[in-house]
Amino acid sequence: MNIFEEIESEVRSYCRAFPTVFKKAKGATLINEDGTEYLDFFCGAGALNYGHNNYHIKEQLISYLIEDGIIHSLDLMTSAKADLLHAFNEIIFKPRNMNYKVQFPGPTGTNSIEAAIKIARKVTGRTTIATFTNAFHGMTLGSLSLTGNARKRRGAGLELVGSYFIPYDGYHGPQVNTAKMFRQYLEDRGSGYDIPAAVILETIQAEGGIRIASYEWLREIESICRDYDIILIVDDIQVGCGRTGTFFSFEHSGISPDVICLSKSLSGIGLPFSITLIKPDLDKWTPGEHNGTFRGHNLAFVTAAAALNYYWVNDEFIQGIQKREEIVKKTLTKLLESFDTKLAVRGRGLIWGIECFNQKLSKIISRECFRQGLIIETAGINDQVLKVLPPLTIGIEELEKGLATVVSTIEKFINEN
């Protein structure tokens, strides 16, 4: 590992938590250079919902490459893009009665966020974006201005402007309705809160510590946006593409965002890819007004279409997620019953958080799980939450094995720390 220490920047982070050199991966398993296998509850921070090297997706990619398919195309029309747009329209939009324009802003999630806030400002003529405590939206300057994490914000090296923060659902405890609080801010012209161009939110704050907004709260926020002509942006980058049990995380809430940001598992196989979905009446871009060299990532078009065509044409995949969700929920609920004064558990679908009230404990548990062959990361402002984030396709036995490792490790250390 000396080459990484000698040559790579000190900014590297995940490799410090999981110090081994990985060589291969398949499904829910990572394999290092020595052949040691690790069960993956990290899942590329949500970029590998369908697992590593998914056969059904990879075979389409290999075939496309062998046939000399277009790889780079800016925003030229290609058959790969046409196939993806057709699949998205037929498999995702039409069954949900959704009507959106699809923008290809660039390869990463933060590209999608930057496009979303720019179009909101352009359409409304306002400049401020309302965001929420503990939010995380990306690492470019616009996205960082919407992010609550103080350490990440300091990395900008300059003052971040153009946003203000509203308490997220539950921030002041279950008794305080923060949506009502937000409405009061806007009604009171002495509050100092201008009517924003947009409200941007995550239905589940993943990096913020698996904080879950109730459906009622989401509907209240949407109502505020409609009353004040505010663009509602949902950041579904980490918790979309099936992570919560439906393709979009907000489907059961009944809300209809004006703009939706998708990335991470959108490509289906870990290739960088993002889109910004915009309701047609808001698509006020002029040609080339927002662009990027790598917005025409045809390999990701191919794999994204393959994922849609294989996993989302019927309910079988969703039923599989629900079955796995019940296993996680049952296991972690039982754990909580034993340590309810030392832990909190929350989650939906296959994203769950185990918050350790002793904030040092989560990193200790993560390190010990790694030693036992399980990769699980931490989240939250103080890394106090263990994030259970396995592939949606993980085998039942693998899931139970990984959960058993987490539970036994917590039981071992929780009374000692």
Protein backbone atom coordinates (compact mmCIF):
# COMPACT_ATOMS: atom_id res chain seq x y z
CA MET A 1 0.00 0.00 0.00
CA ASN A 2 3.04 2.29 0.00
CA ILE A 3 2.24 3.65 -3.48
CA PHE A 4 -1.00 5.17 -2.18
CA GLU A 5 0.73 6.81 0.75
CA GLU A 6 3.56 8.11 -1.43
CA ILE A 7 1.58 9.39 -4.40
CA GLU A 8 -2.09 9.85 -3.55
CA SER A 9 -3.37 13.01 -1.86
CA GLU A 10 -3.94 13.15 1.88
CA VAL A 11 -7.62 13.84 1.14
CA ARG A 12 -8.31 10.10 0.72
CA SER A 13 -10.68 8.85 3.42
CA TYR A 14 -12.52 5.56 2.91
CA CYS A 15 -9.25 3.71 2.35
CA ARG A 16 -8.20 4.72 5.86
CA ALA A 17 -11.31 3.10 7.33
CA PHE A 18 -10.91 -0.03 5.19
CA PRO A 19 -7.12 -0.45 4.80
CA THR A 20 -6.65 -3.18 2.23
CA VAL A 21 -6.11 -3.28 -1.53
CA PHE A 22 -9.21 -4.58 -3.29
CA LYS A 23 -8.87 -6.41 -6.57
CA LYS A 24 -12.19 -8.02 -7.51
CA ALA A 25 -15.88 -7.77 -6.65
CA LYS A 26 -19.05 -9.69 -7.39
CA GLY A 27 -22.55 -9.18 -6.04
CA ALA A 28 -22.29 -8.24 -2.37
CA THR A 29 -18.65 -9.33 -2.04
CA LEU A 30 -15.35 -7.47 -2.35
CA ILE A 31 -12.09 -9.44 -2.63
CA ASN A 32 -8.64 -8.07 -1.82
CA GLU A 33 -5.29 -8.94 -3.39
CA ASP A 34 -4.74 -11.77 -0.92
CA GLY A 35 -8.08 -13.36 -1.77
CA THR A 36 -9.78 -12.32 1.47
CA GLU A 37 -13.49 -11.75 1.00
CA TYR A 38 -15.50 -8.91 2.53
CA LEU A 39 -19.27 -8.66 2.63
CA ASP A 40 -20.25 -5.20 1.41
CA PHE A 41 -22.71 -3.18 3.50
CA PHE A 42 -21.18 0.03 2.07
CA CYS A 43 -22.36 -0.41 -1.51
CA GLY A 44 -20.28 2.41 -3.00
CA ALA A 45 -22.13 4.90 -0.78
CA GLY A 46 -25.31 3.85 -2.57
CA ALA A 47 -23.87 3.67 -6.10
CA LEU A 48 -24.16 -0.13 -6.32
CA ASN A 49 -27.80 -0.90 -5.58
CA TYR A 50 -27.65 -3.85 -7.98
CA GLY A 51 -24.38 -5.17 -6.58
CA HIS A 52 -20.86 -5.36 -8.01
CA ASN A 53 -20.43 -6.47 -11.62
CA ASN A 54 -24.09 -7.28 -12.08
CA TYR A 55 -24.23 -9.84 -14.88
CA HIS A 56 -27.50 -8.67 -16.44
CA ILE A 57 -26.17 -5.14 -16.73
CA LYS A 58 -22.55 -5.91 -17.54
CA GLU A 59 -23.37 -8.17 -20.48
CA GLN A 60 -25.16 -5.27 -22.20
CA LEU A 61 -22.15 -3.02 -21.63
CA ILE A 62 -19.69 -5.59 -22.98
CA SER A 63 -21.82 -6.17 -26.07
CA TYR A 64 -22.04 -2.43 -26.71
CA LEU A 65 -18.25 -2.03 -26.45
CA ILE A 66 -17.56 -4.99 -28.73
CA GLU A 67 -19.84 -3.46 -31.35
CA ASP A 68 -17.90 -0.14 -31.23
CA GLY A 69 -20.83 1.79 -29.84
CA ILE A 70 -20.43 5.53 -29.27
CA ILE A 71 -18.73 6.23 -25.93
CA HIS A 72 -18.46 10.02 -25.78
CA SER A 73 -20.94 12.30 -27.52
CA LEU A 74 -21.45 15.59 -25.62
CA ASP A 75 -25.20 16.11 -26.16
CA LEU A 76 -25.37 14.63 -29.64
CA MET A 77 -28.23 12.27 -30.37
CA THR A 78 -27.16 8.63 -30.07
CA SER A 79 -28.97 5.32 -30.17
CA ALA A 80 -27.84 4.61 -26.59
CA LYS A 81 -29.41 7.84 -25.34
CA ALA A 82 -32.60 7.14 -27.29
CA ASP A 83 -32.86 3.67 -25.75
CA LEU A 84 -32.43 5.08 -22.25
CA LEU A 85 -34.99 7.85 -22.74
CA HIS A 86 -37.47 5.34 -24.14
CA ALA A 87 -36.93 2.96 -21.22
CA PHE A 88 -37.25 5.76 -18.64
CA ASN A 89 -40.43 7.04 -20.24
CA GLU A 90 -42.11 3.64 -20.57
CA ILE A 91 -40.93 2.00 -17.35
CA ILE A 92 -40.64 4.90 -14.90
CA PHE A 93 -42.65 7.91 -16.07
CA LYS A 94 -45.79 6.46 -17.62
CA PRO A 95 -46.73 3.93 -14.89
CA ARG A 96 -46.42 6.75 -12.32
CA ASN A 97 -48.22 9.36 -14.44
CA MET A 98 -45.14 11.57 -14.33
CA ASN A 99 -44.30 14.23 -16.89
CA TYR A 100 -40.72 15.54 -16.82
CA LYS A 101 -38.02 16.67 -19.18
CA VAL A 102 -34.70 14.84 -18.74
CA GLN A 103 -31.55 16.95 -18.51
CA PHE A 104 -28.08 15.38 -18.68
CA PRO A 105 -26.03 17.85 -16.60
CA GLY A 106 -22.79 15.89 -16.19
CA PRO A 107 -21.55 12.68 -14.61
CA THR A 108 -21.97 13.17 -10.86
CA GLY A 109 -24.64 13.95 -8.30
CA THR A 110 -23.37 17.43 -7.58
CA ASN A 111 -23.70 18.24 -11.30
CA SER A 112 -27.38 17.42 -11.02
CA ILE A 113 -27.78 19.61 -7.94
CA GLU A 114 -26.00 22.57 -9.56
CA ALA A 115 -28.30 22.33 -12.59
CA ALA A 116 -31.37 22.13 -10.35
CA ILE A 117 -30.62 25.26 -8.34
CA LYS A 118 -29.59 27.21 -11.45
CA ILE A 119 -32.86 26.49 -13.25
CA ALA A 120 -34.84 27.38 -10.10
CA ARG A 121 -33.10 30.75 -9.89
CA LYS A 122 -33.53 31.36 -13.60
CA VAL A 123 -37.26 30.55 -13.61
CA THR A 124 -38.24 32.42 -10.45
CA GLY A 125 -35.85 35.36 -10.66
CA ARG A 126 -35.01 34.82 -6.98
CA THR A 127 -31.59 33.89 -5.70
CA THR A 128 -31.95 32.20 -2.30
CA ILE A 129 -32.32 28.43 -1.86
CA ALA A 130 -33.92 27.03 1.31
CA THR A 131 -32.22 23.90 2.58
CA PHE A 132 -32.25 21.92 5.82
CA THR A 133 -30.16 21.18 8.88
CA ASN A 134 -27.89 18.13 8.46
CA ALA A 135 -28.39 18.19 4.68
CA PHE A 136 -25.74 16.94 2.28
CA HIS A 137 -25.97 17.78 -1.42
CA GLY A 138 -22.45 17.60 -2.82
CA MET A 139 -18.98 19.14 -2.81
CA THR A 140 -19.03 21.82 -5.51
CA LEU A 141 -19.63 25.37 -4.31
CA GLY A 142 -23.33 25.58 -5.08
CA SER A 143 -24.00 22.18 -3.53
CA LEU A 144 -21.78 22.94 -0.55
CA SER A 145 -23.79 26.08 0.16
CA LEU A 146 -26.78 23.75 0.69
CA THR A 147 -24.87 21.33 2.93
CA GLY A 148 -25.04 21.53 6.71
CA ASN A 149 -21.85 19.69 7.66
CA ALA A 150 -19.48 22.33 9.06
CA ARG A 151 -16.30 20.40 8.26
CA LYS A 152 -17.28 19.95 4.63
CA ARG A 153 -18.36 23.58 4.34
CA ARG A 154 -14.98 24.76 5.63
CA GLY A 155 -13.34 22.93 2.75
CA ALA A 156 -14.77 25.52 0.35
CA GLY A 157 -12.18 28.03 1.53
CA LEU A 158 -14.55 30.95 1.15
CA GLU A 159 -17.90 32.18 2.38
CA LEU A 160 -20.79 30.11 1.10
CA VAL A 161 -23.78 32.23 0.20
CA GLY A 162 -27.17 32.00 -1.48
CA SER A 163 -28.99 29.75 0.98
CA TYR A 164 -30.55 29.57 4.42
CA PHE A 165 -31.24 26.57 6.64
CA ILE A 166 -34.57 25.36 8.00
CA PRO A 167 -34.82 22.73 10.77
CA TYR A 168 -35.42 19.29 9.22
CA ASP A 169 -38.30 17.10 10.36
CA GLY A 170 -37.59 16.05 13.94
CA TYR A 171 -34.67 18.43 14.44
CA HIS A 172 -36.29 19.96 17.53
CA GLY A 173 -37.89 16.69 18.61
CA PRO A 174 -41.21 15.08 17.66
CA GLN A 175 -43.28 17.80 19.32
CA VAL A 176 -42.09 20.61 17.04
CA ASN A 177 -43.56 20.86 13.54
CA THR A 178 -40.69 22.41 11.58
CA ALA A 179 -42.79 22.67 8.41
CA LYS A 180 -45.19 24.92 10.30
CA MET A 181 -42.18 26.84 11.58
CA PHE A 182 -40.99 27.38 7.99
CA ARG A 183 -44.41 28.67 6.98
CA GLN A 184 -44.33 31.13 9.88
CA TYR A 185 -40.92 32.39 8.72
CA LEU A 186 -42.34 33.15 5.28
CA GLU A 187 -45.56 34.71 6.59
CA ASP A 188 -43.70 37.00 8.99
CA ARG A 189 -42.02 39.71 6.91
CA GLY A 190 -39.95 40.55 9.96
CA SER A 191 -38.40 37.09 10.18
CA GLY A 192 -35.52 37.92 7.86
CA TYR A 193 -36.37 34.91 5.66
CA ASP A 194 -36.96 35.92 2.05
CA ILE A 195 -39.17 33.80 -0.17
CA PRO A 196 -36.65 31.45 -1.80
CA ALA A 197 -36.32 30.39 -5.40
CA ALA A 198 -36.43 26.76 -4.30
CA VAL A 199 -36.63 24.37 -1.39
CA ILE A 200 -34.24 21.43 -1.72
CA LEU A 201 -34.60 18.37 0.47
CA GLU A 202 -33.68 14.74 0.92
CA THR A 203 -36.60 12.56 1.99
CA ILE A 204 -34.02 10.59 3.98
CA GLN A 205 -30.83 12.40 4.97
CA ALA A 206 -28.34 9.60 4.37
CA GLU A 207 -25.02 11.32 5.07
CA GLY A 208 -26.79 13.37 7.73
CA GLY A 209 -27.35 10.25 9.84
CA ILE A 210 -30.32 8.40 8.27
CA ARG A 211 -32.83 11.04 9.30
CA ILE A 212 -36.25 10.28 7.84
CA ALA A 213 -38.90 12.85 6.95
CA SER A 214 -42.48 11.78 7.57
CA TYR A 215 -44.83 11.71 4.60
CA GLU A 216 -47.06 14.28 6.33
CA TRP A 217 -44.11 16.66 6.75
CA LEU A 218 -43.16 16.27 3.08
CA ARG A 219 -46.70 17.11 2.05
CA GLU A 220 -46.65 20.20 4.28
CA ILE A 221 -43.40 21.38 2.69
CA GLU A 222 -44.89 20.86 -0.77
CA SER A 223 -47.98 22.84 0.24
CA ILE A 224 -45.78 25.74 1.34
CA CYS A 225 -43.97 25.65 -2.00
CA ARG A 226 -47.24 25.77 -3.91
CA ASP A 227 -48.60 28.64 -1.79
CA TYR A 228 -45.49 30.77 -2.30
CA ASP A 229 -44.59 29.73 -5.88
CA ILE A 230 -41.37 28.07 -4.72
CA ILE A 231 -39.66 25.36 -6.78
CA LEU A 232 -39.57 22.03 -4.88
CA ILE A 233 -36.37 20.07 -5.54
CA VAL A 234 -35.96 16.52 -4.24
CA ASP A 235 -32.41 15.20 -4.01
CA ASP A 236 -32.89 11.47 -4.62
CA ILE A 237 -29.25 10.84 -5.42
CA GLN A 238 -28.52 8.35 -2.63
CA VAL A 239 -31.97 7.12 -1.67
CA GLY A 240 -33.50 6.86 -5.15
CA CYS A 241 -33.29 4.01 -7.69
CA GLY A 242 -35.03 1.57 -5.34
CA ARG A 243 -33.14 2.14 -2.10
CA THR A 244 -36.34 2.79 -0.12
CA GLY A 245 -38.38 0.10 -1.90
CA THR A 246 -39.76 2.27 -4.70
CA PHE A 247 -37.87 3.81 -7.60
CA PHE A 248 -38.26 7.32 -6.18
CA SER A 249 -38.05 7.68 -2.42
CA PHE A 250 -41.04 10.04 -2.25
CA GLU A 251 -43.60 7.90 -4.09
CA HIS A 252 -45.64 6.86 -1.03
CA SER A 253 -45.78 10.46 0.22
CA GLY A 254 -47.87 11.59 -2.74
CA ILE A 255 -45.78 14.70 -3.43
CA SER A 256 -44.88 15.80 -6.96
CA PRO A 257 -41.49 17.57 -6.98
CA ASP A 258 -40.82 20.21 -9.60
CA VAL A 259 -37.24 19.01 -10.01
CA ILE A 260 -35.70 15.62 -9.14
CA CYS A 261 -31.98 14.90 -8.92
CA LEU A 262 -30.73 11.34 -9.58
CA SER A 263 -27.26 9.84 -9.72
CA LYS A 264 -25.28 7.14 -7.83
CA SER A 265 -27.12 3.88 -8.73
CA LEU A 266 -28.73 5.39 -11.81
CA SER A 267 -26.13 3.80 -14.10
CA GLY A 268 -26.75 0.48 -12.38
CA ILE A 269 -23.13 -0.62 -12.31
CA GLY A 270 -21.11 2.15 -10.71
CA LEU A 271 -20.39 4.29 -13.75
CA PRO A 272 -20.68 8.03 -13.02
CA PHE A 273 -24.00 9.29 -14.32
CA SER A 274 -26.64 11.79 -13.28
CA ILE A 275 -29.81 13.34 -14.59
CA THR A 276 -31.98 16.27 -13.54
CA LEU A 277 -35.70 15.81 -14.09
CA ILE A 278 -37.57 19.08 -14.70
CA LYS A 279 -41.29 19.64 -15.11
CA PRO A 280 -41.82 20.84 -18.70
CA ASP A 281 -43.11 24.32 -17.81
CA LEU A 282 -39.86 24.98 -15.90
CA ASP A 283 -37.53 23.87 -18.69
CA LYS A 284 -36.52 27.41 -19.62
CA TRP A 285 -32.91 26.70 -20.58
CA THR A 286 -31.56 28.20 -23.78
CA PRO A 287 -29.41 25.83 -25.88
CA GLY A 288 -26.01 25.33 -24.24
CA GLU A 289 -26.80 27.59 -21.28
CA HIS A 290 -25.82 24.79 -18.92
CA ASN A 291 -23.47 22.18 -20.34
CA GLY A 292 -20.60 19.81 -19.60
CA THR A 293 -18.10 17.78 -21.60
CA PHE A 294 -19.16 14.44 -20.11
CA ARG A 295 -22.94 14.84 -20.21
CA GLY A 296 -23.04 12.34 -23.08
CA HIS A 297 -21.83 9.26 -21.17
CA ASN A 298 -23.17 6.54 -23.49
CA LEU A 299 -21.75 3.62 -21.50
CA ALA A 300 -23.86 4.77 -18.55
CA PHE A 301 -26.88 5.20 -20.86
CA VAL A 302 -26.51 1.54 -21.83
CA THR A 303 -26.16 0.22 -18.30
CA ALA A 304 -28.93 2.44 -16.91
CA ALA A 305 -31.33 1.19 -19.59
CA ALA A 306 -30.27 -2.40 -18.86
CA ALA A 307 -31.06 -1.93 -15.16
CA LEU A 308 -34.48 -0.48 -15.91
CA ASN A 309 -35.37 -3.17 -18.44
CA TYR A 310 -34.29 -6.02 -16.15
CA TYR A 311 -35.37 -4.89 -12.68
CA TRP A 312 -38.24 -2.43 -13.06
CA VAL A 313 -40.63 -3.93 -15.60
CA ASN A 314 -42.65 -5.70 -12.87
CA ASP A 315 -43.01 -5.78 -9.06
CA GLU A 316 -40.75 -8.77 -8.39
CA PHE A 317 -37.70 -6.62 -7.60
CA ILE A 318 -39.67 -4.37 -5.24
CA GLN A 319 -41.06 -7.41 -3.45
CA GLY A 320 -37.51 -8.65 -2.95
CA ILE A 321 -36.52 -5.33 -1.37
CA GLN A 322 -39.53 -5.50 0.95
CA LYS A 323 -38.60 -9.03 2.04
CA ARG A 324 -35.06 -7.91 2.86
CA GLU A 325 -36.35 -4.80 4.61
CA GLU A 326 -38.39 -6.94 6.99
CA ILE A 327 -35.29 -8.97 7.89
CA VAL A 328 -33.27 -5.84 8.66
CA LYS A 329 -36.12 -4.23 10.57
CA LYS A 330 -36.76 -7.35 12.69
CA THR A 331 -33.06 -7.81 13.49
CA LEU A 332 -32.41 -4.18 14.42
CA THR A 333 -35.64 -3.83 16.39
CA LYS A 334 -34.60 -6.81 18.50
CA LEU A 335 -31.18 -5.21 18.99
CA LEU A 336 -32.79 -1.95 20.08
CA GLU A 337 -34.93 -3.73 22.66
CA SER A 338 -31.73 -4.81 24.40
CA PHE A 339 -29.94 -1.45 24.24
CA ASP A 340 -32.63 1.22 23.95
CA THR A 341 -30.77 3.59 26.28
CA LYS A 342 -27.56 3.35 24.24
CA LEU A 343 -28.79 3.10 20.64
CA ALA A 344 -31.38 4.48 18.24
CA VAL A 345 -32.48 2.67 15.09
CA ARG A 346 -34.23 4.16 12.07
CA GLY A 347 -34.58 3.28 8.42
CA ARG A 348 -36.71 2.45 5.41
CA GLY A 349 -36.24 -0.04 2.61
CA LEU A 350 -32.58 -1.04 2.66
CA ILE A 351 -31.09 2.06 4.21
CA TRP A 352 -30.89 1.84 8.00
CA GLY A 353 -28.97 3.69 10.65
CA ILE A 354 -27.85 2.53 14.09
CA GLU A 355 -27.04 5.64 16.11
CA CYS A 356 -24.64 5.17 19.01
CA PHE A 357 -25.23 7.64 21.83
CA ASN A 358 -21.58 7.11 22.73
CA GLN A 359 -20.30 8.73 19.55
CA LYS A 360 -16.90 7.02 19.67
CA LEU A 361 -18.51 3.60 19.51
CA SER A 362 -19.63 3.61 15.86
CA LYS A 363 -16.09 3.90 14.50
CA ILE A 364 -14.90 1.16 16.86
CA ILE A 365 -17.67 -1.14 15.62
CA SER A 366 -16.98 -0.29 11.97
CA ARG A 367 -13.29 -1.16 12.39
CA GLU A 368 -14.08 -4.43 14.16
CA CYS A 369 -16.65 -5.40 11.51
CA PHE A 370 -13.98 -4.83 8.86
CA ARG A 371 -11.60 -7.10 10.78
CA GLN A 372 -14.34 -9.74 10.68
CA GLY A 373 -14.91 -9.35 6.94
CA LEU A 374 -17.76 -6.84 6.78
CA ILE A 375 -17.56 -3.34 5.32
CA ILE A 376 -19.96 -0.89 6.96
CA GLU A 377 -19.49 2.88 6.97
CA THR A 378 -20.50 5.59 9.40
CA ALA A 379 -22.65 8.66 8.81
CA GLY A 380 -23.88 11.70 10.71
CA ILE A 381 -22.12 14.91 11.64
CA ASN A 382 -19.97 13.11 14.21
CA ASP A 383 -19.86 9.75 12.39
CA GLN A 384 -22.02 8.45 15.21
CA VAL A 385 -24.36 6.39 12.99
CA LEU A 386 -23.58 3.00 11.48
CA LYS A 387 -25.12 2.93 8.02
CA VAL A 388 -26.59 -0.41 6.89
CA LEU A 389 -26.54 -0.09 3.09
CA PRO A 390 -26.28 -3.49 1.36
CA PRO A 391 -26.99 -4.08 -2.34
CA LEU A 392 -30.70 -4.41 -3.04
CA THR A 393 -29.91 -7.74 -4.70
CA ILE A 394 -28.01 -9.20 -1.75
CA GLY A 395 -28.74 -12.86 -1.00
CA ILE A 396 -30.84 -13.55 2.08
CA GLU A 397 -28.11 -15.64 3.71
CA GLU A 398 -25.53 -12.93 3.01
CA LEU A 399 -27.82 -10.29 4.50
CA GLU A 400 -28.41 -12.33 7.64
CA LYS A 401 -24.70 -13.07 7.97
CA GLY A 402 -23.79 -9.39 7.73
CA LEU A 403 -26.47 -8.37 10.21
CA ALA A 404 -25.28 -11.06 12.63
CA THR A 405 -21.77 -9.59 12.45
CA VAL A 406 -23.07 -6.10 13.18
CA VAL A 407 -25.22 -7.26 16.09
CA SER A 408 -22.55 -9.43 17.70
CA THR A 409 -19.96 -6.65 17.38
CA ILE A 410 -22.28 -4.12 18.99
CA GLU A 411 -23.09 -6.55 21.79
CA LYS A 412 -19.37 -7.08 22.36
CA PHE A 413 -18.40 -3.42 22.61
CA ILE A 414 -21.44 -1.49 23.76
CA ASN A 415 -21.08 -2.20 27.47
CA GLU A 416 -17.33 -1.56 27.38
CA ASN A 417 -17.53 1.95 25.92
